Protein backbone atom coordinates (compact mmCIF):
# COMPACT_ATOMS: atom_id res chain seq x y z
CA MET A 1 -11.05 26.46 12.41
CA THR A 2 -9.23 23.38 11.16
CA VAL A 3 -5.53 22.96 11.44
CA THR A 4 -4.01 21.32 8.41
CA PRO A 5 -0.44 20.09 8.44
CA HIS A 6 2.10 21.59 6.11
CA SER A 7 2.58 19.74 2.86
CA ASP A 8 6.06 18.56 3.90
CA GLU A 9 4.95 17.19 7.29
CA ALA A 10 4.49 13.45 7.64
CA ARG A 11 0.98 12.53 8.68
CA PRO A 12 -0.15 9.35 10.42
CA GLY A 13 -0.37 6.52 7.91
CA ASP A 14 1.88 8.09 5.25
CA GLY A 15 4.64 5.58 5.88
CA LEU A 16 2.23 2.67 5.58
CA VAL A 17 0.87 3.98 2.28
CA LYS A 18 4.38 4.38 0.85
CA ALA A 19 5.49 0.95 2.08
CA GLY A 20 2.32 -0.62 0.72
CA GLY A 21 2.93 0.98 -2.65
CA ILE A 22 6.44 -0.43 -2.80
CA VAL A 23 5.25 -3.91 -1.81
CA PHE A 24 2.43 -3.70 -4.36
CA ILE A 25 4.83 -2.73 -7.14
CA ALA A 26 7.14 -5.61 -6.20
CA GLY A 27 4.17 -7.96 -6.42
CA ALA A 28 3.11 -6.50 -9.77
CA VAL A 29 6.59 -7.01 -11.21
CA ALA A 30 6.62 -10.57 -9.87
CA THR A 31 3.22 -11.17 -11.46
CA LEU A 32 4.42 -9.92 -14.83
CA ALA A 33 7.56 -12.03 -14.60
CA THR A 34 5.60 -15.10 -13.55
CA MET A 35 3.02 -14.72 -16.29
CA ALA A 36 5.56 -14.08 -19.06
CA PRO A 37 6.54 -17.77 -19.52
CA LEU A 38 2.90 -18.60 -20.21
CA PHE A 39 2.92 -16.29 -23.23
CA LEU A 40 6.50 -16.92 -24.33
CA ASP A 41 6.09 -20.71 -24.43
CA VAL A 42 8.98 -21.46 -22.06
CA ASP A 43 9.14 -23.50 -18.87
CA PRO A 44 7.03 -21.93 -16.09
CA PHE A 45 8.54 -20.69 -12.85
CA PRO A 46 8.38 -22.90 -9.72
CA PRO A 47 5.38 -22.59 -7.39
CA TYR A 48 7.14 -20.31 -4.90
CA ALA A 49 7.37 -17.68 -7.63
CA TRP A 50 3.58 -17.66 -7.78
CA ALA A 51 3.50 -17.05 -4.02
CA VAL A 52 5.54 -13.87 -4.52
CA CYS A 53 2.67 -12.58 -6.65
CA MET A 54 0.60 -12.40 -3.48
CA LEU A 55 2.65 -9.33 -2.54
CA MET A 56 0.21 -7.29 -4.62
CA GLY A 57 -2.59 -8.10 -2.19
CA VAL A 58 -0.35 -7.62 0.82
CA GLY A 59 0.76 -4.22 -0.48
CA PHE A 60 -2.83 -3.21 -1.08
CA ALA A 61 -3.74 -4.22 2.48
CA ILE A 62 -0.80 -2.28 3.94
CA SER A 63 -1.79 0.83 1.96
CA ALA A 64 -5.43 0.46 3.01
CA ALA A 65 -4.31 0.28 6.66
CA GLY A 66 -2.37 3.50 6.16
CA VAL A 67 -5.38 5.25 4.64
CA LEU A 68 -7.58 4.08 7.52
CA ARG A 69 -5.00 5.26 10.04
CA SER A 70 -4.84 8.66 8.34
CA ALA A 71 -8.64 8.93 8.30
CA ALA A 72 -8.82 8.05 11.99
CA ALA A 73 -6.26 10.74 12.83
CA GLU A 74 -8.21 13.31 10.80
CA ARG A 75 -11.40 12.30 12.60
CA ARG A 76 -9.73 12.68 15.99
CA ALA A 77 -8.39 16.10 15.01
CA ALA A 78 -11.82 17.20 13.84
CA ARG A 79 -13.40 16.10 17.12
CA ALA A 80 -10.71 17.88 19.11
CA SER A 81 -11.23 21.12 17.18
CA GLN A 82 -15.00 20.95 17.72
CA ALA A 83 -14.56 20.39 21.46
CA ALA A 84 -12.31 23.45 21.81
């Protein structure tokens, strides 16, 4: 018998996935804003604006850590239910 949490309960890693999604979206918006001058034939943004684009990768990594944390918690719960 497996015990599944209610749909409104926070599970391990949920916060990391949400935070990673927000950081990823911020990086995606920064990427679009940084790339726009290349197509609009205006002066490009300074180099630090390109560094903000790296938030996409950071957000992806944060979300991946949340998924791995959630999977580890599910694995521990499965082992505990088999031992009982």
